[in-house]
Amino acid sequence: QKEDIEVTLLPAGHCPGSVMFLFEGESGTVLYTGDFRLAKGEAARMELLHSGTRVKDIQSVYLDTTFCDPKFYHIPSREECLNGILELVRSWTSLSRYHVVWLNCKAAYGYEYLFINLSEELGIKVHVNKLDMFRNMPEILYHVTTDRHTQIHACRHPRDDDCFRGNRLPCGMTCQNGTPLHIISIKPSTMWFGERIK
């Protein structure tokens, strides 16, 4: 049978370009998601998810996400996580210019929110290996740098954990002006919350 189906891409908030698919046809409406990260109230502001003043009737939701598991009983909001990281980074970097933070980010994308907010709040650019992958995201370019002489690093190495041993950043930095760096590592990861007990 021939049937026209309207497909709408809705922002998933997971990483740049991530979407949810809304399929609408004669047989009903289906929402298909991969991983998503929406703040409370964000779906209410998605006009394309609404018909007039109410949410569209959705017959089926296909939820394909890493964290659809009872062991992840509570994942803090993005804002709560940012505030915790911000407090830690601020207290560490304020000790001296030789106190440095390494953000041990396992994926290439998805940390832009963190980089932008840390940079804006602390006035410190985040060191990354290359800017190429951010060229299509101009809003972040002001907040990242390839200059290693900064206090926040998100540089990567194929064996990050090995590289970090011996107080050395993945980019190879161990000191500035002959003064050894004091480095802490922060691993932003939702997986951690699945390992905690209620």
N, C-alpha and C. Protein backbone atom coordinates (compact mmCIF):
# COMPACT_ATOMS: atom_id res chain seq x y z
N GLN A 1 0.84 -1.20 0.00
CA GLN A 1 0.00 0.00 0.00
C GLN A 1 0.86 1.24 0.00
N LYS A 2 0.36 2.26 -0.69
CA LYS A 2 1.06 3.54 -0.68
C LYS A 2 0.51 4.40 0.43
N GLU A 3 1.41 5.02 1.15
CA GLU A 3 0.97 5.92 2.22
C GLU A 3 2.02 7.00 2.38
N ASP A 4 1.58 8.23 2.50
CA ASP A 4 2.51 9.32 2.76
C ASP A 4 2.82 9.35 4.25
N ILE A 5 4.10 9.41 4.57
CA ILE A 5 4.53 9.50 5.97
C ILE A 5 5.37 10.77 6.11
N GLU A 6 5.05 11.53 7.11
CA GLU A 6 5.83 12.75 7.40
C GLU A 6 6.86 12.40 8.46
N VAL A 7 8.12 12.73 8.19
CA VAL A 7 9.21 12.44 9.13
C VAL A 7 9.79 13.78 9.61
N THR A 8 9.79 13.97 10.90
CA THR A 8 10.31 15.20 11.49
C THR A 8 11.51 14.86 12.37
N LEU A 9 12.59 15.58 12.20
CA LEU A 9 13.77 15.38 13.04
C LEU A 9 13.73 16.38 14.19
N LEU A 10 13.79 15.87 15.40
CA LEU A 10 13.76 16.71 16.61
C LEU A 10 15.11 16.63 17.30
N PRO A 11 15.60 17.73 17.86
CA PRO A 11 16.91 17.71 18.53
C PRO A 11 16.90 16.77 19.73
N ALA A 12 17.93 15.92 19.81
CA ALA A 12 18.02 14.96 20.92
C ALA A 12 18.88 15.49 22.07
N GLY A 13 19.67 16.53 21.82
CA GLY A 13 20.48 17.11 22.89
C GLY A 13 21.61 16.23 23.37
N HIS A 14 21.92 15.16 22.62
CA HIS A 14 22.94 14.21 23.07
C HIS A 14 24.33 14.70 22.68
N CYS A 15 24.56 14.85 21.41
CA CYS A 15 25.80 15.43 20.90
C CYS A 15 25.42 16.22 19.65
N PRO A 16 26.30 17.06 19.12
CA PRO A 16 25.93 17.88 17.97
C PRO A 16 25.36 17.05 16.82
N GLY A 17 24.19 17.44 16.35
CA GLY A 17 23.56 16.75 15.23
C GLY A 17 22.69 15.58 15.62
N SER A 18 22.65 15.22 16.90
CA SER A 18 21.84 14.06 17.31
C SER A 18 20.35 14.42 17.23
N VAL A 19 19.56 13.46 16.74
CA VAL A 19 18.14 13.71 16.54
C VAL A 19 17.28 12.54 17.00
N MET A 20 16.00 12.85 17.20
CA MET A 20 14.96 11.85 17.39
C MET A 20 14.07 11.95 16.15
N PHE A 21 13.49 10.84 15.73
CA PHE A 21 12.65 10.83 14.54
C PHE A 21 11.18 10.70 14.94
N LEU A 22 10.36 11.62 14.44
CA LEU A 22 8.93 11.55 14.65
C LEU A 22 8.28 11.18 13.33
N PHE A 23 7.67 9.99 13.27
CA PHE A 23 7.01 9.49 12.05
C PHE A 23 5.51 9.68 12.22
N GLU A 24 4.88 10.34 11.24
CA GLU A 24 3.44 10.56 11.29
C GLU A 24 2.80 10.07 9.99
N GLY A 25 1.81 9.21 10.12
CA GLY A 25 1.11 8.67 8.96
C GLY A 25 -0.32 8.34 9.30
N GLU A 26 -1.02 7.72 8.36
CA GLU A 26 -2.44 7.38 8.56
C GLU A 26 -2.63 6.41 9.72
N SER A 27 -1.62 5.56 9.98
CA SER A 27 -1.74 4.56 11.04
C SER A 27 -1.36 5.10 12.41
N GLY A 28 -0.93 6.34 12.47
CA GLY A 28 -0.57 6.92 13.76
C GLY A 28 0.78 7.59 13.76
N THR A 29 1.25 7.89 14.97
CA THR A 29 2.50 8.63 15.16
C THR A 29 3.45 7.79 16.01
N VAL A 30 4.70 7.76 15.57
CA VAL A 30 5.73 6.99 16.26
C VAL A 30 6.93 7.90 16.52
N LEU A 31 7.48 7.82 17.72
CA LEU A 31 8.71 8.56 18.05
C LEU A 31 9.82 7.54 18.25
N TYR A 32 10.92 7.72 17.52
CA TYR A 32 12.08 6.83 17.64
C TYR A 32 13.25 7.65 18.16
N THR A 33 13.86 7.19 19.23
CA THR A 33 15.02 7.91 19.78
C THR A 33 16.22 6.99 19.90
N GLY A 34 17.38 7.57 19.78
CA GLY A 34 18.61 6.95 20.23
C GLY A 34 18.89 7.60 21.59
N ASP A 35 20.15 7.71 21.98
CA ASP A 35 20.47 8.41 23.23
C ASP A 35 19.99 9.86 23.11
N PHE A 36 19.46 10.39 24.20
CA PHE A 36 19.04 11.79 24.20
C PHE A 36 19.30 12.37 25.57
N ARG A 37 19.37 13.68 25.64
CA ARG A 37 19.57 14.37 26.92
C ARG A 37 18.76 15.65 26.87
N LEU A 38 17.58 15.60 27.44
CA LEU A 38 16.69 16.76 27.44
C LEU A 38 16.48 17.22 28.88
N ALA A 39 16.60 18.51 29.09
CA ALA A 39 16.34 19.07 30.41
C ALA A 39 14.83 19.11 30.64
N LYS A 40 14.42 19.18 31.90
CA LYS A 40 13.00 19.28 32.22
C LYS A 40 12.41 20.48 31.50
N GLY A 41 11.28 20.28 30.86
CA GLY A 41 10.60 21.38 30.17
C GLY A 41 11.04 21.59 28.74
N GLU A 42 12.14 20.94 28.33
CA GLU A 42 12.65 21.15 26.98
C GLU A 42 11.71 20.58 25.92
N ALA A 43 11.15 19.42 26.17
CA ALA A 43 10.21 18.82 25.21
C ALA A 43 8.97 19.71 25.06
N ALA A 44 8.57 20.38 26.12
CA ALA A 44 7.40 21.26 26.07
C ALA A 44 7.62 22.44 25.13
N ARG A 45 8.89 22.78 24.90
CA ARG A 45 9.20 23.91 24.02
C ARG A 45 9.41 23.48 22.57
N MET A 46 9.32 22.19 22.29
CA MET A 46 9.49 21.70 20.90
C MET A 46 8.17 21.84 20.16
N GLU A 47 8.05 22.88 19.36
CA GLU A 47 6.79 23.15 18.66
C GLU A 47 6.37 21.99 17.77
N LEU A 48 7.34 21.32 17.12
CA LEU A 48 7.01 20.26 16.17
C LEU A 48 6.51 18.99 16.85
N LEU A 49 6.58 18.94 18.18
CA LEU A 49 6.08 17.80 18.94
C LEU A 49 4.64 18.06 19.40
N HIS A 50 4.14 19.25 19.07
CA HIS A 50 2.82 19.67 19.52
C HIS A 50 1.88 19.90 18.34
N SER A 51 0.62 19.79 18.63
CA SER A 51 -0.43 20.12 17.67
C SER A 51 -1.33 21.11 18.39
N GLY A 52 -1.23 22.36 18.01
CA GLY A 52 -1.96 23.40 18.75
C GLY A 52 -1.37 23.55 20.13
N THR A 53 -2.22 23.40 21.14
CA THR A 53 -1.75 23.60 22.52
C THR A 53 -1.41 22.29 23.22
N ARG A 54 -1.55 21.16 22.54
CA ARG A 54 -1.30 19.88 23.22
C ARG A 54 -0.23 19.06 22.48
N VAL A 55 0.35 18.13 23.23
CA VAL A 55 1.34 17.23 22.66
C VAL A 55 0.63 16.30 21.67
N LYS A 56 1.28 16.02 20.55
CA LYS A 56 0.70 15.11 19.55
C LYS A 56 0.48 13.74 20.18
N ASP A 57 -0.58 13.06 19.73
CA ASP A 57 -0.84 11.70 20.20
C ASP A 57 0.21 10.78 19.60
N ILE A 58 1.01 10.15 20.43
CA ILE A 58 2.05 9.24 19.97
C ILE A 58 1.66 7.83 20.37
N GLN A 59 1.45 6.96 19.37
CA GLN A 59 1.01 5.59 19.65
C GLN A 59 2.15 4.71 20.16
N SER A 60 3.34 4.92 19.62
CA SER A 60 4.48 4.07 19.99
C SER A 60 5.73 4.90 20.15
N VAL A 61 6.54 4.52 21.14
CA VAL A 61 7.86 5.13 21.32
C VAL A 61 8.88 4.00 21.27
N TYR A 62 9.82 4.11 20.36
CA TYR A 62 10.94 3.16 20.30
C TYR A 62 12.12 3.84 20.97
N LEU A 63 12.49 3.34 22.12
CA LEU A 63 13.53 3.96 22.93
C LEU A 63 14.78 3.10 22.85
N ASP A 64 15.79 3.60 22.15
CA ASP A 64 17.04 2.87 21.98
C ASP A 64 18.12 3.69 22.66
N THR A 65 18.32 3.46 23.95
CA THR A 65 19.24 4.32 24.70
C THR A 65 20.08 3.50 25.68
N THR A 66 21.27 3.93 25.90
CA THR A 66 22.21 3.25 26.79
C THR A 66 21.67 3.14 28.21
N PHE A 67 20.94 4.14 28.66
CA PHE A 67 20.59 4.23 30.08
C PHE A 67 19.16 3.84 30.40
N CYS A 68 18.52 3.09 29.51
CA CYS A 68 17.17 2.58 29.80
C CYS A 68 17.34 1.28 30.58
N ASP A 69 17.77 1.42 31.82
CA ASP A 69 18.11 0.29 32.66
C ASP A 69 17.85 0.71 34.11
N PRO A 70 17.17 -0.13 34.89
CA PRO A 70 16.85 0.24 36.28
C PRO A 70 18.07 0.60 37.13
N LYS A 71 19.25 0.10 36.77
CA LYS A 71 20.41 0.43 37.61
C LYS A 71 20.79 1.91 37.53
N PHE A 72 20.32 2.59 36.48
CA PHE A 72 20.54 4.03 36.39
C PHE A 72 19.30 4.73 36.96
N TYR A 73 19.09 4.51 38.26
CA TYR A 73 17.85 5.00 38.87
C TYR A 73 17.82 6.52 38.98
N HIS A 74 18.98 7.14 39.00
CA HIS A 74 19.01 8.60 39.08
C HIS A 74 20.25 9.13 38.36
N ILE A 75 20.01 9.94 37.36
CA ILE A 75 21.10 10.63 36.67
C ILE A 75 20.88 12.11 36.94
N PRO A 76 21.84 12.78 37.55
CA PRO A 76 21.65 14.21 37.85
C PRO A 76 21.45 15.02 36.57
N SER A 77 20.87 16.18 36.71
CA SER A 77 20.66 17.06 35.55
C SER A 77 22.01 17.55 35.04
N ARG A 78 22.01 17.99 33.82
CA ARG A 78 23.22 18.55 33.22
C ARG A 78 23.72 19.73 34.04
N GLU A 79 22.79 20.54 34.55
CA GLU A 79 23.15 21.72 35.35
C GLU A 79 23.82 21.32 36.66
N GLU A 80 23.28 20.29 37.33
CA GLU A 80 23.88 19.81 38.58
C GLU A 80 25.31 19.33 38.33
N CYS A 81 25.49 18.58 37.24
CA CYS A 81 26.82 18.06 36.91
C CYS A 81 27.78 19.20 36.61
N LEU A 82 27.32 20.16 35.81
CA LEU A 82 28.17 21.30 35.48
C LEU A 82 28.58 22.05 36.73
N ASN A 83 27.63 22.30 37.63
CA ASN A 83 27.95 23.05 38.85
C ASN A 83 28.98 22.32 39.71
N GLY A 84 28.87 21.00 39.80
CA GLY A 84 29.85 20.23 40.57
C GLY A 84 31.24 20.31 39.95
N ILE A 85 31.31 20.14 38.64
CA ILE A 85 32.61 20.21 37.94
C ILE A 85 33.18 21.62 38.03
N LEU A 86 32.32 22.61 37.84
CA LEU A 86 32.75 24.01 37.89
C LEU A 86 33.36 24.35 39.25
N GLU A 87 32.70 23.91 40.32
CA GLU A 87 33.19 24.16 41.68
C GLU A 87 34.57 23.52 41.89
N LEU A 88 34.72 22.28 41.44
CA LEU A 88 35.99 21.58 41.59
C LEU A 88 37.10 22.24 40.77
N VAL A 89 36.81 22.56 39.51
CA VAL A 89 37.82 23.18 38.63
C VAL A 89 38.20 24.56 39.16
N ARG A 90 37.22 25.34 39.59
CA ARG A 90 37.51 26.68 40.12
C ARG A 90 38.40 26.60 41.35
N SER A 91 38.08 25.70 42.28
CA SER A 91 38.87 25.62 43.52
C SER A 91 40.30 25.15 43.22
N TRP A 92 40.47 24.24 42.24
CA TRP A 92 41.79 23.73 41.92
C TRP A 92 42.63 24.75 41.17
N THR A 93 42.07 25.33 40.11
CA THR A 93 42.85 26.26 39.27
C THR A 93 43.15 27.57 39.98
N SER A 94 42.39 27.90 41.02
CA SER A 94 42.65 29.15 41.74
C SER A 94 43.85 29.03 42.69
N LEU A 95 44.34 27.80 42.93
CA LEU A 95 45.47 27.61 43.84
C LEU A 95 46.76 28.22 43.28
N SER A 96 46.99 28.04 41.98
CA SER A 96 48.13 28.66 41.30
C SER A 96 47.97 28.39 39.81
N ARG A 97 48.75 29.06 38.98
CA ARG A 97 48.63 28.83 37.53
C ARG A 97 49.24 27.50 37.12
N TYR A 98 49.88 26.81 38.07
CA TYR A 98 50.46 25.50 37.79
C TYR A 98 49.52 24.36 38.21
N HIS A 99 48.36 24.71 38.71
CA HIS A 99 47.33 23.72 39.04
C HIS A 99 46.43 23.57 37.82
N VAL A 100 46.47 22.38 37.24
CA VAL A 100 45.85 22.12 35.94
C VAL A 100 44.83 20.98 36.06
N VAL A 101 43.79 21.06 35.24
CA VAL A 101 42.74 20.04 35.22
C VAL A 101 42.76 19.35 33.86
N TRP A 102 42.70 18.02 33.88
CA TRP A 102 42.56 17.27 32.64
C TRP A 102 41.17 16.65 32.62
N LEU A 103 40.37 17.01 31.62
CA LEU A 103 39.06 16.42 31.42
C LEU A 103 39.25 15.17 30.57
N ASN A 104 39.11 14.03 31.17
CA ASN A 104 39.33 12.74 30.51
C ASN A 104 38.06 12.36 29.75
N CYS A 105 37.89 12.95 28.58
CA CYS A 105 36.69 12.75 27.76
C CYS A 105 36.93 11.59 26.80
N LYS A 106 36.15 10.54 26.95
CA LYS A 106 36.36 9.34 26.13
C LYS A 106 35.86 9.47 24.71
N ALA A 107 34.81 10.25 24.48
CA ALA A 107 34.27 10.41 23.13
C ALA A 107 34.80 11.70 22.51
N ALA A 108 34.73 11.80 21.20
CA ALA A 108 35.21 12.99 20.52
C ALA A 108 34.23 14.14 20.66
N TYR A 109 32.93 13.83 20.59
CA TYR A 109 31.91 14.87 20.67
C TYR A 109 31.05 14.68 21.91
N GLY A 110 30.29 15.72 22.23
CA GLY A 110 29.32 15.61 23.31
C GLY A 110 29.69 16.38 24.56
N TYR A 111 30.88 16.98 24.60
CA TYR A 111 31.33 17.71 25.78
C TYR A 111 31.32 19.22 25.56
N GLU A 112 30.79 19.66 24.42
CA GLU A 112 30.83 21.08 24.06
C GLU A 112 30.18 21.95 25.13
N TYR A 113 29.05 21.50 25.67
CA TYR A 113 28.36 22.24 26.73
C TYR A 113 29.30 22.48 27.91
N LEU A 114 30.05 21.46 28.29
CA LEU A 114 30.98 21.56 29.41
C LEU A 114 32.12 22.53 29.09
N PHE A 115 32.72 22.39 27.90
CA PHE A 115 33.84 23.27 27.51
C PHE A 115 33.41 24.73 27.50
N ILE A 116 32.27 25.00 26.87
CA ILE A 116 31.78 26.38 26.74
C ILE A 116 31.51 26.98 28.11
N ASN A 117 30.83 26.25 28.98
CA ASN A 117 30.47 26.78 30.29
C ASN A 117 31.68 26.98 31.19
N LEU A 118 32.63 26.03 31.19
CA LEU A 118 33.85 26.21 31.98
C LEU A 118 34.61 27.44 31.50
N SER A 119 34.76 27.58 30.21
CA SER A 119 35.49 28.71 29.63
C SER A 119 34.81 30.04 29.97
N GLU A 120 33.49 30.08 29.83
CA GLU A 120 32.76 31.33 30.12
C GLU A 120 32.84 31.69 31.59
N GLU A 121 32.64 30.71 32.46
CA GLU A 121 32.61 30.97 33.91
C GLU A 121 33.99 31.31 34.48
N LEU A 122 35.04 30.64 33.97
CA LEU A 122 36.37 30.79 34.55
C LEU A 122 37.30 31.66 33.72
N GLY A 123 36.91 31.95 32.49
CA GLY A 123 37.78 32.75 31.62
C GLY A 123 39.03 31.99 31.20
N ILE A 124 38.93 30.66 31.14
CA ILE A 124 40.06 29.81 30.76
C ILE A 124 39.66 28.97 29.55
N LYS A 125 40.43 29.05 28.47
CA LYS A 125 40.12 28.23 27.30
C LYS A 125 40.54 26.78 27.56
N VAL A 126 39.87 25.87 26.86
CA VAL A 126 40.13 24.44 27.03
C VAL A 126 41.05 23.95 25.92
N HIS A 127 42.17 23.31 26.30
CA HIS A 127 43.12 22.80 25.31
C HIS A 127 42.59 21.51 24.68
N VAL A 128 42.54 21.51 23.34
CA VAL A 128 42.18 20.31 22.57
C VAL A 128 43.29 20.06 21.55
N ASN A 129 43.38 18.83 21.05
CA ASN A 129 44.44 18.50 20.10
C ASN A 129 44.33 19.29 18.80
N LYS A 130 43.10 19.33 18.24
CA LYS A 130 42.88 20.03 16.98
C LYS A 130 41.54 20.72 17.01
N LEU A 131 41.45 21.76 16.17
CA LEU A 131 40.20 22.51 16.09
C LEU A 131 39.32 22.03 14.94
N ASP A 132 39.85 21.14 14.08
CA ASP A 132 39.13 20.71 12.88
C ASP A 132 37.70 20.27 13.16
N MET A 133 37.52 19.44 14.18
CA MET A 133 36.19 18.89 14.41
C MET A 133 35.19 19.93 14.92
N PHE A 134 35.68 21.09 15.35
CA PHE A 134 34.78 22.13 15.84
C PHE A 134 34.50 23.21 14.80
N ARG A 135 35.08 23.10 13.60
CA ARG A 135 34.91 24.13 12.57
C ARG A 135 33.45 24.39 12.22
N ASN A 136 32.61 23.35 12.29
CA ASN A 136 31.20 23.52 11.97
C ASN A 136 30.36 23.89 13.19
N MET A 137 31.05 24.16 14.30
CA MET A 137 30.36 24.59 15.53
C MET A 137 31.02 25.90 15.99
N PRO A 138 30.79 26.99 15.24
CA PRO A 138 31.50 28.23 15.54
C PRO A 138 31.30 28.75 16.96
N GLU A 139 30.19 28.37 17.62
CA GLU A 139 29.93 28.87 18.97
C GLU A 139 30.94 28.36 19.98
N ILE A 140 31.65 27.29 19.67
CA ILE A 140 32.62 26.74 20.62
C ILE A 140 34.05 27.20 20.33
N LEU A 141 34.32 27.67 19.13
CA LEU A 141 35.70 27.98 18.74
C LEU A 141 36.38 29.00 19.65
N TYR A 142 35.63 29.92 20.22
CA TYR A 142 36.21 30.92 21.11
C TYR A 142 36.64 30.30 22.44
N HIS A 143 36.11 29.14 22.77
CA HIS A 143 36.33 28.53 24.09
C HIS A 143 37.37 27.42 24.11
N VAL A 144 37.84 27.01 22.95
CA VAL A 144 38.86 25.96 22.88
C VAL A 144 40.12 26.52 22.23
N THR A 145 41.23 25.85 22.49
CA THR A 145 42.50 26.33 21.96
C THR A 145 43.45 25.15 21.72
N THR A 146 44.41 25.35 20.84
CA THR A 146 45.46 24.34 20.67
C THR A 146 46.71 24.74 21.45
N ASP A 147 46.66 25.87 22.14
CA ASP A 147 47.76 26.32 22.99
C ASP A 147 47.77 25.51 24.28
N ARG A 148 48.86 24.78 24.51
CA ARG A 148 48.94 23.89 25.68
C ARG A 148 49.09 24.65 26.99
N HIS A 149 49.41 25.93 26.94
CA HIS A 149 49.65 26.70 28.16
C HIS A 149 48.35 27.27 28.71
N THR A 150 47.48 26.38 29.12
CA THR A 150 46.22 26.75 29.74
C THR A 150 45.99 25.81 30.91
N GLN A 151 45.03 26.13 31.76
CA GLN A 151 44.85 25.33 32.97
C GLN A 151 43.80 24.23 32.82
N ILE A 152 43.07 24.24 31.71
CA ILE A 152 42.08 23.19 31.49
C ILE A 152 42.41 22.47 30.19
N HIS A 153 42.58 21.16 30.28
CA HIS A 153 42.94 20.35 29.12
C HIS A 153 41.86 19.30 28.85
N ALA A 154 41.58 19.11 27.56
CA ALA A 154 40.73 18.00 27.14
C ALA A 154 41.43 17.30 25.99
N CYS A 155 42.76 17.43 25.98
CA CYS A 155 43.56 16.80 24.94
C CYS A 155 43.46 15.29 25.11
N ARG A 156 43.69 14.59 24.01
CA ARG A 156 43.50 13.14 24.03
C ARG A 156 44.75 12.44 23.52
N HIS A 157 44.89 11.21 23.94
CA HIS A 157 45.98 10.36 23.50
C HIS A 157 45.39 8.96 23.34
N PRO A 158 45.85 8.16 22.39
CA PRO A 158 45.27 6.82 22.23
C PRO A 158 45.24 6.01 23.52
N ARG A 159 46.21 6.23 24.40
CA ARG A 159 46.24 5.52 25.69
C ARG A 159 46.25 6.55 26.81
N ASP A 160 45.16 7.32 26.90
CA ASP A 160 45.08 8.41 27.87
C ASP A 160 45.46 8.01 29.29
N ASP A 161 44.93 6.87 29.75
CA ASP A 161 45.17 6.49 31.14
C ASP A 161 46.65 6.21 31.39
N ASP A 162 47.33 5.59 30.40
CA ASP A 162 48.77 5.35 30.55
C ASP A 162 49.53 6.67 30.58
N CYS A 163 49.11 7.58 29.71
CA CYS A 163 49.81 8.87 29.58
C CYS A 163 49.70 9.70 30.84
N PHE A 164 48.57 9.59 31.53
CA PHE A 164 48.34 10.44 32.69
C PHE A 164 49.23 10.06 33.85
N ARG A 165 49.70 8.84 33.88
CA ARG A 165 50.57 8.42 34.97
C ARG A 165 51.85 9.27 34.96
N GLY A 166 52.36 9.53 36.13
CA GLY A 166 53.59 10.31 36.22
C GLY A 166 53.34 11.79 36.08
N ASN A 167 52.10 12.24 36.41
CA ASN A 167 51.78 13.66 36.40
C ASN A 167 52.06 14.31 35.04
N ARG A 168 51.67 13.62 33.97
CA ARG A 168 51.88 14.15 32.63
C ARG A 168 50.55 14.18 31.89
N LEU A 169 50.28 15.29 31.23
CA LEU A 169 49.06 15.40 30.43
C LEU A 169 49.21 14.63 29.13
N PRO A 170 48.12 14.22 28.49
CA PRO A 170 48.22 13.49 27.23
C PRO A 170 48.98 14.26 26.14
N CYS A 171 48.96 15.59 26.21
CA CYS A 171 49.69 16.39 25.21
C CYS A 171 51.19 16.42 25.50
N GLY A 172 51.61 15.82 26.61
CA GLY A 172 53.03 15.75 26.93
C GLY A 172 53.49 16.76 27.97
N MET A 173 52.65 17.72 28.32
CA MET A 173 53.03 18.76 29.28
C MET A 173 53.25 18.16 30.66
N THR A 174 54.36 18.54 31.29
CA THR A 174 54.62 18.14 32.68
C THR A 174 54.93 19.36 33.54
N CYS A 175 55.34 20.44 32.90
CA CYS A 175 55.70 21.64 33.65
C CYS A 175 55.54 22.88 32.77
N GLN A 176 55.53 24.04 33.42
CA GLN A 176 55.52 25.33 32.72
C GLN A 176 56.62 26.18 33.33
N ASN A 177 57.44 26.76 32.48
CA ASN A 177 58.57 27.59 32.95
C ASN A 177 59.42 26.87 33.98
N GLY A 178 59.55 25.55 33.82
CA GLY A 178 60.37 24.76 34.73
C GLY A 178 59.67 24.36 36.02
N THR A 179 58.44 24.85 36.24
CA THR A 179 57.70 24.51 37.45
C THR A 179 56.78 23.33 37.15
N PRO A 180 56.87 22.25 37.95
CA PRO A 180 56.02 21.08 37.72
C PRO A 180 54.53 21.42 37.85
N LEU A 181 53.73 20.79 37.03
CA LEU A 181 52.29 20.99 37.08
C LEU A 181 51.68 20.08 38.15
N HIS A 182 50.63 20.56 38.78
CA HIS A 182 49.83 19.77 39.71
C HIS A 182 48.54 19.46 38.96
N ILE A 183 48.33 18.20 38.62
CA ILE A 183 47.24 17.83 37.72
C ILE A 183 46.20 16.96 38.43
N ILE A 184 44.93 17.32 38.24
CA ILE A 184 43.85 16.42 38.65
C ILE A 184 43.10 16.01 37.38
N SER A 185 42.51 14.84 37.43
CA SER A 185 41.75 14.32 36.29
C SER A 185 40.27 14.22 36.65
N ILE A 186 39.43 14.69 35.75
CA ILE A 186 37.98 14.57 35.91
C ILE A 186 37.47 13.78 34.71
N LYS A 187 36.74 12.72 34.99
CA LYS A 187 36.22 11.87 33.92
C LYS A 187 34.71 12.07 33.83
N PRO A 188 34.25 12.96 32.94
CA PRO A 188 32.81 13.17 32.82
C PRO A 188 32.16 11.96 32.16
N SER A 189 31.38 11.20 32.94
CA SER A 189 30.80 9.97 32.41
C SER A 189 29.50 9.64 33.12
N THR A 190 28.45 9.43 32.35
CA THR A 190 27.17 9.04 32.93
C THR A 190 27.24 7.61 33.46
N MET A 191 28.12 6.78 32.90
CA MET A 191 28.23 5.37 33.31
C MET A 191 28.46 5.25 34.82
N TRP A 192 29.13 6.21 35.41
CA TRP A 192 29.44 6.19 36.85
C TRP A 192 28.18 6.01 37.67
N PHE A 193 27.07 6.64 37.23
CA PHE A 193 25.85 6.62 38.04
C PHE A 193 25.20 5.24 38.07
N GLY A 194 25.52 4.38 37.10
CA GLY A 194 25.01 3.02 37.12
C GLY A 194 25.75 2.14 38.10
N GLU A 195 26.91 2.58 38.55
CA GLU A 195 27.72 1.78 39.47
C GLU A 195 27.39 2.09 40.92
N ARG A 196 26.62 3.15 41.16
CA ARG A 196 26.29 3.54 42.53
C ARG A 196 25.07 2.76 43.01
N ILE A 197 25.00 2.50 44.28
CA ILE A 197 23.81 1.83 44.81
C ILE A 197 22.86 2.91 45.35
N LYS A 198 21.58 2.56 45.42
CA LYS A 198 20.59 3.55 45.85
C LYS A 198 20.89 4.05 47.24
